[in-house]
Each structure stands twice: as structure tokens, then as C-alpha cells.
Amino acid sequence: MLTNQKNKGAGISRNLGIKAAKGRYIAFLDADDVWKPNKLQTQLEFMQQNKIAVCFSSYELIKENGERKKELVEALPFVTYQKLLKSNYIGNLTGIYDTLKAGKIYSPEIRKRQDWGFWLEAVKKGGTARSIIEPLAVYWLRRNSVSGNKIKMLKYNFNIYHKVLGFSFYKSLRCMLMFLKEHFFVKQKQVKAF
């Protein structure tokens, strides 16, 4: 088992796991999220049949107290790098990628939104990500999460554009406007009751 002596954040911890990984495919599961029993098999078969490097799926939402929210974040059929620049459409707990096709990819070593930076790099190197619409995981909603605090999320998103992707200040601002439009007018349609 790999451990850190102190909390260094999800990105650094995931990078330790990626560095130690010997397998062809890499996926992530945080301690408070759940994969459905058929997740990996379903995705691996789909990836091999369709010869793709990056795959993700829909996922269900559950409240912090364990109560089902009865909401589903429905995956888009596919996501290009350009689409992913507009908003993070790959739920980290659902993503999987093929190191033979995309190489080993590491998370940016930032405290927040490193998962988005990671999937941007994976799609950039591996090509268009394809999804399985069936929900293959369950995500726990936490009260103090970054996605729950919209103002903080904007700051962390700007860091993805400016610090991680290396965009100029003005290009990062343009991307932020693109993100706001996408997030509030398009992405909200992904969440559906079931």
C-alpha cells in the first residue's frame, strides 16, 4: 500500500499510484465514492471494441448522509479536447484511460480541480473520449466541496487555464467566459432525476 506521511492532496497521491501502476489501464476511485460491480469490465470491453484511449460514464449522486438524491449526471456521448476546455464533462470516478494509447499521464500538482487538468491532458493525448450512458458509479455530494462553492470554483478554474495549461491572462479570461456560458446554460441539462 502506498501512503503519504501527511496530506499532500489528491493530485500528488494519484501521481504516486500512477507511477507505481504496472497495468495498461488506469482509473481512480476516491475513498468516499463507489463503483458499481460491473464498471471496469463494462468499460474495458467498450474501449477494446471501439479502440479508444479514454472512456467515462454517467453517475448517480448521493447526499453526504447517504440518502439517495435520485439524480443522475448523464454523460455526453463523446467529449473532444475543445469541448472539455469549456467544462469538466468527465466525472473523475468514472474515467479510465489506456496507457498504451495515451502514455502515462500525471495530475497537475495543484490542490483543487487537478482532475479536470488530468482529463484535459488525457483527451489531448488519447483523442476523443467516448462514454457509456449507463451510470457505473455513485458520487457522494459533500457540503464543502469545490463544486458546491461556485465562487471558489471560478478561481480554481482560472488556475487550470492560466497555470496548468499556460494560457495568457486574457486567453484564460476568455476561457472563463466560455466556461460560465457552458456551465450555466448547457451543462446543467446533464443532471436528471431518475
N, C-alpha and C. Protein backbone atom coordinates (compact mmCIF):
# COMPACT_ATOMS: atom_id res chain seq x y z
N MET A 1 0.84 -1.18 0.00
CA MET A 1 0.00 0.00 0.00
C MET A 1 0.88 1.24 0.00
N LEU A 2 0.48 2.22 -0.82
CA LEU A 2 1.20 3.49 -0.88
C LEU A 2 0.54 4.49 0.06
N THR A 3 1.33 5.21 0.82
CA THR A 3 0.78 6.23 1.72
C THR A 3 1.67 7.46 1.71
N ASN A 4 1.07 8.60 2.04
CA ASN A 4 1.81 9.85 2.27
C ASN A 4 1.94 10.04 3.77
N GLN A 5 3.04 10.62 4.21
CA GLN A 5 3.22 10.89 5.62
C GLN A 5 2.27 11.98 6.11
N LYS A 6 1.91 12.89 5.21
CA LYS A 6 0.92 13.93 5.53
C LYS A 6 0.06 14.17 4.30
N ASN A 7 -1.06 14.85 4.48
CA ASN A 7 -1.99 15.10 3.39
C ASN A 7 -1.35 16.06 2.37
N LYS A 8 -1.10 15.55 1.17
CA LYS A 8 -0.49 16.36 0.12
C LYS A 8 -1.48 16.68 -0.99
N GLY A 9 -2.71 16.23 -0.84
CA GLY A 9 -3.73 16.49 -1.85
C GLY A 9 -3.91 15.32 -2.80
N ALA A 10 -5.05 15.34 -3.47
CA ALA A 10 -5.42 14.23 -4.33
C ALA A 10 -4.48 14.07 -5.52
N GLY A 11 -4.07 15.17 -6.14
CA GLY A 11 -3.22 15.08 -7.33
C GLY A 11 -1.91 14.38 -7.06
N ILE A 12 -1.23 14.75 -5.99
CA ILE A 12 0.06 14.14 -5.65
C ILE A 12 -0.14 12.66 -5.28
N SER A 13 -1.21 12.38 -4.55
CA SER A 13 -1.48 10.98 -4.18
C SER A 13 -1.79 10.13 -5.40
N ARG A 14 -2.59 10.66 -6.31
CA ARG A 14 -2.88 9.91 -7.54
C ARG A 14 -1.62 9.69 -8.35
N ASN A 15 -0.74 10.69 -8.39
CA ASN A 15 0.50 10.54 -9.14
C ASN A 15 1.39 9.43 -8.58
N LEU A 16 1.38 9.27 -7.26
CA LEU A 16 2.13 8.15 -6.66
C LEU A 16 1.59 6.82 -7.18
N GLY A 17 0.26 6.71 -7.21
CA GLY A 17 -0.36 5.50 -7.71
C GLY A 17 -0.09 5.26 -9.19
N ILE A 18 -0.14 6.32 -9.98
CA ILE A 18 0.12 6.20 -11.42
C ILE A 18 1.56 5.75 -11.64
N LYS A 19 2.48 6.34 -10.92
CA LYS A 19 3.89 5.98 -11.07
C LYS A 19 4.13 4.51 -10.73
N ALA A 20 3.45 4.01 -9.71
CA ALA A 20 3.63 2.61 -9.28
C ALA A 20 2.83 1.62 -10.13
N ALA A 21 1.85 2.12 -10.88
CA ALA A 21 0.96 1.22 -11.64
C ALA A 21 1.72 0.45 -12.71
N LYS A 22 1.41 -0.83 -12.80
CA LYS A 22 2.05 -1.70 -13.79
C LYS A 22 1.08 -2.09 -14.91
N GLY A 23 -0.21 -1.86 -14.69
CA GLY A 23 -1.22 -2.27 -15.66
C GLY A 23 -1.35 -1.30 -16.82
N ARG A 24 -2.09 -1.74 -17.81
CA ARG A 24 -2.30 -0.95 -19.03
C ARG A 24 -3.33 0.16 -18.82
N TYR A 25 -4.35 -0.10 -18.03
CA TYR A 25 -5.46 0.85 -17.84
C TYR A 25 -5.39 1.47 -16.45
N ILE A 26 -5.73 2.76 -16.38
CA ILE A 26 -5.71 3.46 -15.10
C ILE A 26 -7.06 4.13 -14.88
N ALA A 27 -7.60 3.93 -13.67
CA ALA A 27 -8.87 4.55 -13.25
C ALA A 27 -8.70 4.98 -11.80
N PHE A 28 -9.56 5.87 -11.35
CA PHE A 28 -9.46 6.42 -10.00
C PHE A 28 -10.74 6.20 -9.21
N LEU A 29 -10.57 5.88 -7.94
CA LEU A 29 -11.72 5.76 -7.03
C LEU A 29 -11.33 6.35 -5.69
N ASP A 30 -11.93 7.49 -5.36
CA ASP A 30 -11.68 8.11 -4.07
C ASP A 30 -12.42 7.31 -2.99
N ALA A 31 -11.95 7.41 -1.76
CA ALA A 31 -12.46 6.59 -0.66
C ALA A 31 -13.95 6.77 -0.41
N ASP A 32 -14.49 7.93 -0.72
CA ASP A 32 -15.90 8.17 -0.42
C ASP A 32 -16.84 7.98 -1.62
N ASP A 33 -16.33 7.50 -2.74
CA ASP A 33 -17.16 7.23 -3.90
C ASP A 33 -17.30 5.72 -4.10
N VAL A 34 -18.21 5.32 -4.98
CA VAL A 34 -18.50 3.89 -5.17
C VAL A 34 -18.56 3.57 -6.65
N TRP A 35 -17.90 2.49 -7.04
CA TRP A 35 -18.06 1.93 -8.38
C TRP A 35 -19.12 0.85 -8.32
N LYS A 36 -19.94 0.77 -9.36
CA LYS A 36 -20.89 -0.35 -9.46
C LYS A 36 -20.08 -1.59 -9.84
N PRO A 37 -20.59 -2.79 -9.48
CA PRO A 37 -19.80 -4.01 -9.67
C PRO A 37 -19.30 -4.27 -11.09
N ASN A 38 -20.02 -3.83 -12.10
CA ASN A 38 -19.63 -4.13 -13.48
C ASN A 38 -18.86 -3.00 -14.16
N LYS A 39 -18.49 -1.95 -13.41
CA LYS A 39 -17.89 -0.77 -14.03
C LYS A 39 -16.67 -1.08 -14.88
N LEU A 40 -15.66 -1.65 -14.29
CA LEU A 40 -14.40 -1.85 -15.01
C LEU A 40 -14.57 -2.80 -16.21
N GLN A 41 -15.26 -3.90 -16.01
CA GLN A 41 -15.46 -4.84 -17.10
C GLN A 41 -16.21 -4.20 -18.26
N THR A 42 -17.27 -3.47 -17.95
CA THR A 42 -18.08 -2.79 -18.98
C THR A 42 -17.22 -1.81 -19.77
N GLN A 43 -16.43 -1.01 -19.07
CA GLN A 43 -15.62 -0.01 -19.75
C GLN A 43 -14.48 -0.63 -20.55
N LEU A 44 -13.83 -1.62 -19.99
CA LEU A 44 -12.72 -2.26 -20.73
C LEU A 44 -13.22 -2.91 -22.01
N GLU A 45 -14.33 -3.60 -21.95
CA GLU A 45 -14.90 -4.22 -23.16
C GLU A 45 -15.25 -3.14 -24.19
N PHE A 46 -15.86 -2.06 -23.74
CA PHE A 46 -16.25 -0.96 -24.62
C PHE A 46 -15.02 -0.33 -25.27
N MET A 47 -13.97 -0.10 -24.48
CA MET A 47 -12.75 0.52 -25.00
C MET A 47 -12.08 -0.38 -26.03
N GLN A 48 -12.02 -1.67 -25.74
CA GLN A 48 -11.37 -2.59 -26.66
C GLN A 48 -12.16 -2.76 -27.95
N GLN A 49 -13.49 -2.84 -27.84
CA GLN A 49 -14.33 -2.98 -29.04
C GLN A 49 -14.25 -1.74 -29.92
N ASN A 50 -14.16 -0.56 -29.31
CA ASN A 50 -14.18 0.69 -30.06
C ASN A 50 -12.80 1.30 -30.29
N LYS A 51 -11.76 0.61 -29.80
CA LYS A 51 -10.37 1.05 -29.97
C LYS A 51 -10.16 2.51 -29.54
N ILE A 52 -10.58 2.80 -28.32
CA ILE A 52 -10.44 4.16 -27.80
C ILE A 52 -9.51 4.19 -26.59
N ALA A 53 -8.96 5.36 -26.32
CA ALA A 53 -8.00 5.52 -25.22
C ALA A 53 -8.63 6.03 -23.94
N VAL A 54 -9.74 6.76 -24.03
CA VAL A 54 -10.35 7.37 -22.85
C VAL A 54 -11.85 7.09 -22.85
N CYS A 55 -12.34 6.62 -21.70
CA CYS A 55 -13.75 6.28 -21.56
C CYS A 55 -14.26 6.82 -20.22
N PHE A 56 -15.54 7.20 -20.19
CA PHE A 56 -16.17 7.66 -18.95
C PHE A 56 -17.64 7.26 -19.00
N SER A 57 -18.37 7.53 -17.93
CA SER A 57 -19.78 7.11 -17.89
C SER A 57 -20.62 8.12 -17.11
N SER A 58 -21.91 7.88 -17.14
CA SER A 58 -22.83 8.62 -16.27
C SER A 58 -22.60 8.15 -14.84
N TYR A 59 -23.11 8.93 -13.87
CA TYR A 59 -23.02 8.51 -12.47
C TYR A 59 -24.17 9.07 -11.67
N GLU A 60 -24.49 8.38 -10.58
CA GLU A 60 -25.57 8.80 -9.68
C GLU A 60 -25.00 9.68 -8.58
N LEU A 61 -25.87 10.51 -8.01
CA LEU A 61 -25.48 11.39 -6.90
C LEU A 61 -26.12 10.89 -5.61
N ILE A 62 -25.37 10.98 -4.52
CA ILE A 62 -25.87 10.59 -3.21
C ILE A 62 -25.51 11.68 -2.22
N LYS A 63 -26.41 11.99 -1.30
CA LYS A 63 -26.14 13.04 -0.31
C LYS A 63 -25.13 12.57 0.72
N GLU A 64 -24.53 13.52 1.40
CA GLU A 64 -23.49 13.24 2.40
C GLU A 64 -23.98 12.28 3.48
N ASN A 65 -25.27 12.35 3.83
CA ASN A 65 -25.81 11.49 4.87
C ASN A 65 -26.18 10.09 4.35
N GLY A 66 -25.90 9.82 3.08
CA GLY A 66 -26.18 8.51 2.50
C GLY A 66 -27.52 8.42 1.80
N GLU A 67 -28.32 9.47 1.89
CA GLU A 67 -29.64 9.48 1.25
C GLU A 67 -29.47 9.66 -0.26
N ARG A 68 -30.13 8.80 -1.04
CA ARG A 68 -30.07 8.92 -2.50
C ARG A 68 -30.73 10.21 -2.93
N LYS A 69 -30.10 10.93 -3.80
CA LYS A 69 -30.66 12.17 -4.32
C LYS A 69 -31.61 11.90 -5.46
N LYS A 70 -31.51 10.70 -6.02
CA LYS A 70 -32.31 10.32 -7.18
C LYS A 70 -32.03 11.24 -8.35
N GLU A 71 -30.75 11.61 -8.49
CA GLU A 71 -30.31 12.40 -9.64
C GLU A 71 -29.15 11.68 -10.31
N LEU A 72 -29.10 11.88 -11.60
CA LEU A 72 -28.10 11.24 -12.42
C LEU A 72 -27.37 12.32 -13.21
N VAL A 73 -26.05 12.27 -13.24
CA VAL A 73 -25.27 13.14 -14.12
C VAL A 73 -25.04 12.31 -15.38
N GLU A 74 -25.76 12.69 -16.42
CA GLU A 74 -25.72 11.90 -17.66
C GLU A 74 -24.52 12.31 -18.52
N ALA A 75 -23.73 11.33 -18.88
CA ALA A 75 -22.54 11.58 -19.70
C ALA A 75 -22.94 11.97 -21.11
N LEU A 76 -22.18 12.89 -21.69
CA LEU A 76 -22.32 13.18 -23.11
C LEU A 76 -21.82 11.96 -23.89
N PRO A 77 -22.30 11.71 -25.10
CA PRO A 77 -21.84 10.54 -25.86
C PRO A 77 -20.33 10.54 -26.11
N PHE A 78 -19.75 11.71 -26.34
CA PHE A 78 -18.31 11.83 -26.52
C PHE A 78 -17.87 13.24 -26.13
N VAL A 79 -16.58 13.39 -25.83
CA VAL A 79 -16.04 14.69 -25.45
C VAL A 79 -14.71 14.88 -26.16
N THR A 80 -14.59 15.98 -26.90
CA THR A 80 -13.33 16.35 -27.53
C THR A 80 -12.55 17.25 -26.57
N TYR A 81 -11.30 17.50 -26.89
CA TYR A 81 -10.48 18.40 -26.08
C TYR A 81 -11.12 19.79 -26.03
N GLN A 82 -11.59 20.28 -27.18
CA GLN A 82 -12.21 21.61 -27.23
C GLN A 82 -13.46 21.69 -26.35
N LYS A 83 -14.27 20.63 -26.35
CA LYS A 83 -15.46 20.61 -25.50
C LYS A 83 -15.06 20.56 -24.03
N LEU A 84 -14.04 19.77 -23.71
CA LEU A 84 -13.60 19.64 -22.32
C LEU A 84 -12.99 20.94 -21.80
N LEU A 85 -12.45 21.76 -22.68
CA LEU A 85 -11.94 23.08 -22.27
C LEU A 85 -13.06 23.95 -21.72
N LYS A 86 -14.29 23.71 -22.16
CA LYS A 86 -15.42 24.55 -21.75
C LYS A 86 -15.95 24.17 -20.37
N SER A 87 -15.78 22.92 -19.96
CA SER A 87 -16.23 22.46 -18.65
C SER A 87 -15.76 21.03 -18.45
N ASN A 88 -15.65 20.60 -17.21
CA ASN A 88 -15.20 19.24 -16.95
C ASN A 88 -16.37 18.27 -17.10
N TYR A 89 -16.42 17.59 -18.22
CA TYR A 89 -17.50 16.66 -18.51
C TYR A 89 -17.18 15.22 -18.12
N ILE A 90 -15.99 14.98 -17.60
CA ILE A 90 -15.61 13.62 -17.21
C ILE A 90 -15.58 13.54 -15.68
N GLY A 91 -16.55 12.84 -15.11
CA GLY A 91 -16.53 12.61 -13.67
C GLY A 91 -15.33 11.74 -13.34
N ASN A 92 -14.43 12.23 -12.49
CA ASN A 92 -13.18 11.52 -12.24
C ASN A 92 -13.40 10.07 -11.81
N LEU A 93 -14.43 9.80 -11.04
CA LEU A 93 -14.69 8.44 -10.57
C LEU A 93 -15.17 7.54 -11.69
N THR A 94 -15.52 8.09 -12.86
CA THR A 94 -15.98 7.26 -13.98
C THR A 94 -14.93 7.09 -15.06
N GLY A 95 -13.90 7.94 -15.07
CA GLY A 95 -12.92 7.92 -16.15
C GLY A 95 -11.95 6.75 -16.06
N ILE A 96 -11.51 6.31 -17.23
CA ILE A 96 -10.47 5.28 -17.34
C ILE A 96 -9.70 5.57 -18.63
N TYR A 97 -8.40 5.34 -18.61
CA TYR A 97 -7.64 5.57 -19.84
C TYR A 97 -6.61 4.47 -20.06
N ASP A 98 -6.21 4.35 -21.31
CA ASP A 98 -5.31 3.30 -21.78
C ASP A 98 -3.91 3.89 -21.92
N THR A 99 -2.97 3.42 -21.10
CA THR A 99 -1.61 3.96 -21.13
C THR A 99 -0.86 3.56 -22.40
N LEU A 100 -1.28 2.49 -23.07
CA LEU A 100 -0.63 2.12 -24.32
C LEU A 100 -0.95 3.12 -25.43
N LYS A 101 -2.15 3.67 -25.40
CA LYS A 101 -2.57 4.62 -26.43
C LYS A 101 -2.22 6.06 -26.07
N ALA A 102 -2.26 6.41 -24.80
CA ALA A 102 -2.06 7.81 -24.39
C ALA A 102 -0.77 8.04 -23.59
N GLY A 103 -0.08 6.98 -23.20
CA GLY A 103 1.09 7.12 -22.35
C GLY A 103 0.67 7.33 -20.91
N LYS A 104 1.63 7.32 -20.01
CA LYS A 104 1.31 7.61 -18.60
C LYS A 104 1.12 9.11 -18.46
N ILE A 105 0.03 9.47 -17.86
CA ILE A 105 -0.33 10.88 -17.68
C ILE A 105 -0.40 11.14 -16.17
N TYR A 106 0.10 12.29 -15.76
CA TYR A 106 0.10 12.63 -14.34
C TYR A 106 -0.77 13.86 -14.09
N SER A 107 -1.34 13.91 -12.88
CA SER A 107 -2.17 15.04 -12.47
C SER A 107 -1.32 16.28 -12.25
N PRO A 108 -1.87 17.45 -12.57
CA PRO A 108 -1.16 18.67 -12.17
C PRO A 108 -1.10 18.70 -10.64
N GLU A 109 0.00 19.18 -10.09
CA GLU A 109 0.17 19.17 -8.64
C GLU A 109 -0.39 20.45 -8.03
N ILE A 110 -1.71 20.55 -8.14
CA ILE A 110 -2.46 21.66 -7.55
C ILE A 110 -3.48 21.04 -6.60
N ARG A 111 -3.99 21.83 -5.67
CA ARG A 111 -4.88 21.29 -4.63
C ARG A 111 -6.30 21.03 -5.14
N LYS A 112 -6.79 21.85 -6.05
CA LYS A 112 -8.17 21.74 -6.48
C LYS A 112 -8.26 21.69 -8.00
N ARG A 113 -9.23 20.94 -8.50
CA ARG A 113 -9.54 20.82 -9.93
C ARG A 113 -8.45 20.09 -10.72
N GLN A 114 -7.55 19.41 -10.01
CA GLN A 114 -6.50 18.66 -10.71
C GLN A 114 -7.08 17.55 -11.57
N ASP A 115 -8.27 17.05 -11.20
CA ASP A 115 -8.90 16.00 -12.01
C ASP A 115 -9.25 16.54 -13.40
N TRP A 116 -9.72 17.77 -13.48
CA TRP A 116 -10.04 18.38 -14.77
C TRP A 116 -8.76 18.54 -15.60
N GLY A 117 -7.71 19.04 -14.97
CA GLY A 117 -6.43 19.16 -15.67
C GLY A 117 -5.94 17.82 -16.17
N PHE A 118 -6.13 16.78 -15.36
CA PHE A 118 -5.71 15.44 -15.76
C PHE A 118 -6.47 14.97 -17.01
N TRP A 119 -7.80 15.09 -16.99
CA TRP A 119 -8.60 14.59 -18.13
C TRP A 119 -8.39 15.43 -19.37
N LEU A 120 -8.09 16.72 -19.21
CA LEU A 120 -7.74 17.53 -20.38
C LEU A 120 -6.50 16.95 -21.06
N GLU A 121 -5.50 16.61 -20.27
CA GLU A 121 -4.27 16.04 -20.82
C GLU A 121 -4.52 14.66 -21.44
N ALA A 122 -5.34 13.85 -20.78
CA ALA A 122 -5.64 12.50 -21.30
C ALA A 122 -6.36 12.57 -22.64
N VAL A 123 -7.32 13.48 -22.76
CA VAL A 123 -8.06 13.62 -24.03
C VAL A 123 -7.17 14.24 -25.10
N LYS A 124 -6.32 15.17 -24.71
CA LYS A 124 -5.39 15.79 -25.66
C LYS A 124 -4.46 14.72 -26.25
N LYS A 125 -3.96 13.82 -25.41
CA LYS A 125 -3.03 12.79 -25.88
C LYS A 125 -3.73 11.56 -26.47
N GLY A 126 -4.89 11.22 -25.93
CA GLY A 126 -5.55 9.98 -26.34
C GLY A 126 -6.65 10.15 -27.37
N GLY A 127 -7.03 11.38 -27.65
CA GLY A 127 -8.10 11.61 -28.61
C GLY A 127 -9.45 11.67 -27.92
N THR A 128 -10.47 11.83 -28.71
CA THR A 128 -11.84 11.99 -28.21
C THR A 128 -12.20 10.90 -27.19
N ALA A 129 -12.76 11.33 -26.07
CA ALA A 129 -13.24 10.39 -25.04
C ALA A 129 -14.66 9.98 -25.39
N ARG A 130 -14.96 8.71 -25.25
CA ARG A 130 -16.31 8.21 -25.51
C ARG A 130 -16.91 7.73 -24.20
N SER A 131 -18.25 7.78 -24.13
CA SER A 131 -18.89 7.43 -22.87
C SER A 131 -19.82 6.24 -22.98
N ILE A 132 -20.13 5.73 -21.81
CA ILE A 132 -21.18 4.74 -21.62
C ILE A 132 -22.27 5.49 -20.86
N ILE A 133 -23.46 5.55 -21.41
CA ILE A 133 -24.53 6.34 -20.81
C ILE A 133 -25.03 5.71 -19.51
N GLU A 134 -24.92 4.42 -19.38
CA GLU A 134 -25.33 3.72 -18.16
C GLU A 134 -24.52 4.26 -16.97
N PRO A 135 -25.18 4.56 -15.83
CA PRO A 135 -24.41 5.02 -14.66
C PRO A 135 -23.61 3.85 -14.06
N LEU A 136 -22.31 4.04 -13.98
CA LEU A 136 -21.43 2.98 -13.49
C LEU A 136 -20.79 3.31 -12.14
N ALA A 137 -21.19 4.45 -11.55
CA ALA A 137 -20.60 4.86 -10.27
C ALA A 137 -21.58 5.73 -9.49
N VAL A 138 -21.25 5.93 -8.21
CA VAL A 138 -22.07 6.77 -7.33
C VAL A 138 -21.14 7.79 -6.68
N TYR A 139 -21.50 9.07 -6.81
CA TYR A 139 -20.69 10.17 -6.28
C TYR A 139 -21.36 10.75 -5.04
N TRP A 140 -20.58 10.87 -3.96
CA TRP A 140 -21.08 11.45 -2.71
C TRP A 140 -20.95 12.96 -2.77
N LEU A 141 -22.06 13.66 -2.59
CA LEU A 141 -22.05 15.12 -2.53
C LEU A 141 -21.64 15.55 -1.13
N ARG A 142 -20.60 16.37 -1.05
CA ARG A 142 -20.13 16.86 0.24
C ARG A 142 -20.44 18.35 0.35
N ARG A 143 -20.82 18.78 1.53
CA ARG A 143 -21.22 20.17 1.77
C ARG A 143 -20.14 21.17 1.39
N ASN A 144 -18.90 20.90 1.70
CA ASN A 144 -17.84 21.88 1.48
C ASN A 144 -16.99 21.59 0.24
N SER A 145 -17.56 20.89 -0.73
CA SER A 145 -16.78 20.56 -1.92
C SER A 145 -16.58 21.79 -2.79
N VAL A 146 -15.56 21.74 -3.66
CA VAL A 146 -15.27 22.85 -4.57
C VAL A 146 -16.45 23.07 -5.50
N SER A 147 -17.04 22.00 -6.02
CA SER A 147 -18.14 22.17 -6.97
C SER A 147 -19.36 22.78 -6.31
N GLY A 148 -19.48 22.68 -4.98
CA GLY A 148 -20.60 23.29 -4.28
C GLY A 148 -20.41 24.78 -4.05
N ASN A 149 -19.18 25.29 -4.06
CA ASN A 149 -18.91 26.70 -3.86
C ASN A 149 -18.51 27.32 -5.20
N LYS A 150 -19.46 27.94 -5.86
CA LYS A 150 -19.27 28.42 -7.23
C LYS A 150 -18.20 29.51 -7.34
N ILE A 151 -18.08 30.39 -6.35
CA ILE A 151 -17.07 31.46 -6.42
C ILE A 151 -15.66 30.86 -6.34
N LYS A 152 -15.44 29.95 -5.39
CA LYS A 152 -14.13 29.30 -5.28
C LYS A 152 -13.83 28.50 -6.54
N MET A 153 -14.85 27.85 -7.10
CA MET A 153 -14.65 27.05 -8.30
C MET A 153 -14.12 27.91 -9.44
N LEU A 154 -14.60 29.13 -9.58
CA LEU A 154 -14.14 30.00 -10.65
C LEU A 154 -12.65 30.31 -10.51
N LYS A 155 -12.21 30.54 -9.29
CA LYS A 155 -10.78 30.80 -9.03
C LYS A 155 -9.94 29.59 -9.43
N TYR A 156 -10.37 28.40 -9.03
CA TYR A 156 -9.62 27.19 -9.35
C TYR A 156 -9.66 26.90 -10.85
N ASN A 157 -10.78 27.21 -11.50
CA ASN A 157 -10.87 27.01 -12.94
C ASN A 157 -9.91 27.94 -13.68
N PHE A 158 -9.83 29.20 -13.22
CA PHE A 158 -8.89 30.14 -13.84
C PHE A 158 -7.47 29.58 -13.75
N ASN A 159 -7.13 28.97 -12.59
CA ASN A 159 -5.80 28.37 -12.42
C ASN A 159 -5.54 27.25 -13.43
N ILE A 160 -6.58 26.49 -13.76
CA ILE A 160 -6.41 25.43 -14.78
C ILE A 160 -5.99 26.07 -16.10
N TYR A 161 -6.71 27.09 -16.52
CA TYR A 161 -6.39 27.74 -17.79
C TYR A 161 -5.03 28.44 -17.76
N HIS A 162 -4.80 29.21 -16.71
CA HIS A 162 -3.62 30.07 -16.67
C HIS A 162 -2.35 29.32 -16.24
N LYS A 163 -2.43 28.57 -15.14
CA LYS A 163 -1.23 27.93 -14.60
C LYS A 163 -0.97 26.54 -15.18
N VAL A 164 -2.02 25.73 -15.31
CA VAL A 164 -1.83 24.35 -15.78
C VAL A 164 -1.66 24.31 -17.30
N LEU A 165 -2.56 24.97 -18.03
CA LEU A 165 -2.49 24.94 -19.49
C LEU A 165 -1.55 26.01 -20.06
N GLY A 166 -1.16 26.99 -19.22
CA GLY A 166 -0.21 28.00 -19.65
C GLY A 166 -0.80 29.07 -20.56
N PHE A 167 -2.12 29.25 -20.53
CA PHE A 167 -2.75 30.28 -21.35
C PHE A 167 -2.41 31.66 -20.78
N SER A 168 -2.38 32.65 -21.65
CA SER A 168 -2.15 34.02 -21.19
C SER A 168 -3.30 34.44 -20.28
N PHE A 169 -3.12 35.53 -19.57
CA PHE A 169 -4.15 36.05 -18.68
C PHE A 169 -5.45 36.31 -19.45
N TYR A 170 -5.33 36.95 -20.61
CA TYR A 170 -6.52 37.31 -21.39
C TYR A 170 -7.19 36.09 -22.02
N LYS A 171 -6.39 35.14 -22.49
CA LYS A 171 -6.98 33.91 -23.04
C LYS A 171 -7.67 33.13 -21.92
N SER A 172 -7.09 33.15 -20.73
CA SER A 172 -7.70 32.48 -19.58
C SER A 172 -9.04 33.13 -19.23
N LEU A 173 -9.10 34.46 -19.31
CA LEU A 173 -10.37 35.17 -19.07
C LEU A 173 -11.42 34.79 -20.12
N ARG A 174 -11.01 34.72 -21.38
CA ARG A 174 -11.94 34.30 -22.44
C ARG A 174 -12.45 32.89 -22.18
N CYS A 175 -11.55 32.02 -21.76
CA CYS A 175 -11.95 30.64 -21.44
C CYS A 175 -12.91 30.61 -20.26
N MET A 176 -12.70 31.49 -19.29
CA MET A 176 -13.61 31.55 -18.15
C MET A 176 -15.02 31.96 -18.59
N LEU A 177 -15.12 32.90 -19.51
CA LEU A 177 -16.42 33.30 -20.04
C LEU A 177 -17.08 32.13 -20.78
N MET A 178 -16.26 31.40 -21.53
CA MET A 178 -16.74 30.21 -22.23
C MET A 178 -17.24 29.17 -21.21
N PHE A 179 -16.48 29.01 -20.12
CA PHE A 179 -16.86 28.07 -19.07
C PHE A 179 -18.20 28.46 -18.45
N LEU A 180 -18.35 29.75 -18.11
CA LEU A 180 -19.59 30.21 -17.48
C LEU A 180 -20.79 29.95 -18.39
N LYS A 181 -20.64 30.25 -19.64
CA LYS A 181 -21.73 30.01 -20.61
C LYS A 181 -22.06 28.53 -20.66
N GLU A 182 -21.04 27.71 -20.78
CA GLU A 182 -21.24 26.26 -20.90
C GLU A 182 -21.83 25.68 -19.62
N HIS A 183 -21.28 26.09 -18.49
CA HIS A 183 -21.69 25.51 -17.21
C HIS A 183 -23.13 25.86 -16.85
N PHE A 184 -23.50 27.09 -17.07
CA PHE A 184 -24.81 27.53 -16.62
C PHE A 184 -25.92 27.37 -17.67
N PHE A 185 -25.56 27.26 -18.95
CA PHE A 185 -26.60 27.15 -19.97
C PHE A 185 -26.65 25.79 -20.65
N VAL A 186 -25.56 25.04 -20.59
CA VAL A 186 -25.52 23.74 -21.27
C VAL A 186 -25.37 22.60 -20.28
N LYS A 187 -24.38 22.67 -19.41
CA LYS A 187 -24.04 21.53 -18.54
C LYS A 187 -25.14 21.20 -17.54
N GLN A 188 -25.91 22.18 -17.11
CA GLN A 188 -26.97 21.91 -16.15
C GLN A 188 -27.97 20.88 -16.66
N LYS A 189 -28.10 20.77 -17.98
CA LYS A 189 -29.04 19.82 -18.57
C LYS A 189 -28.61 18.37 -18.36
N GLN A 190 -27.36 18.17 -17.98
CA GLN A 190 -26.85 16.80 -17.75
C GLN A 190 -27.44 16.15 -16.51
N VAL A 191 -27.86 16.94 -15.53
CA VAL A 191 -28.38 16.39 -14.28
C VAL A 191 -29.86 16.10 -14.46
N LYS A 192 -30.22 14.82 -14.28
CA LYS A 192 -31.61 14.40 -14.49
C LYS A 192 -32.08 13.59 -13.30
N ALA A 193 -33.37 13.70 -13.00
CA ALA A 193 -33.98 12.86 -11.95
C ALA A 193 -34.19 11.47 -12.52
N PHE A 194 -34.11 10.47 -11.65
CA PHE A 194 -34.43 9.09 -12.10
C PHE A 194 -35.26 8.39 -11.05
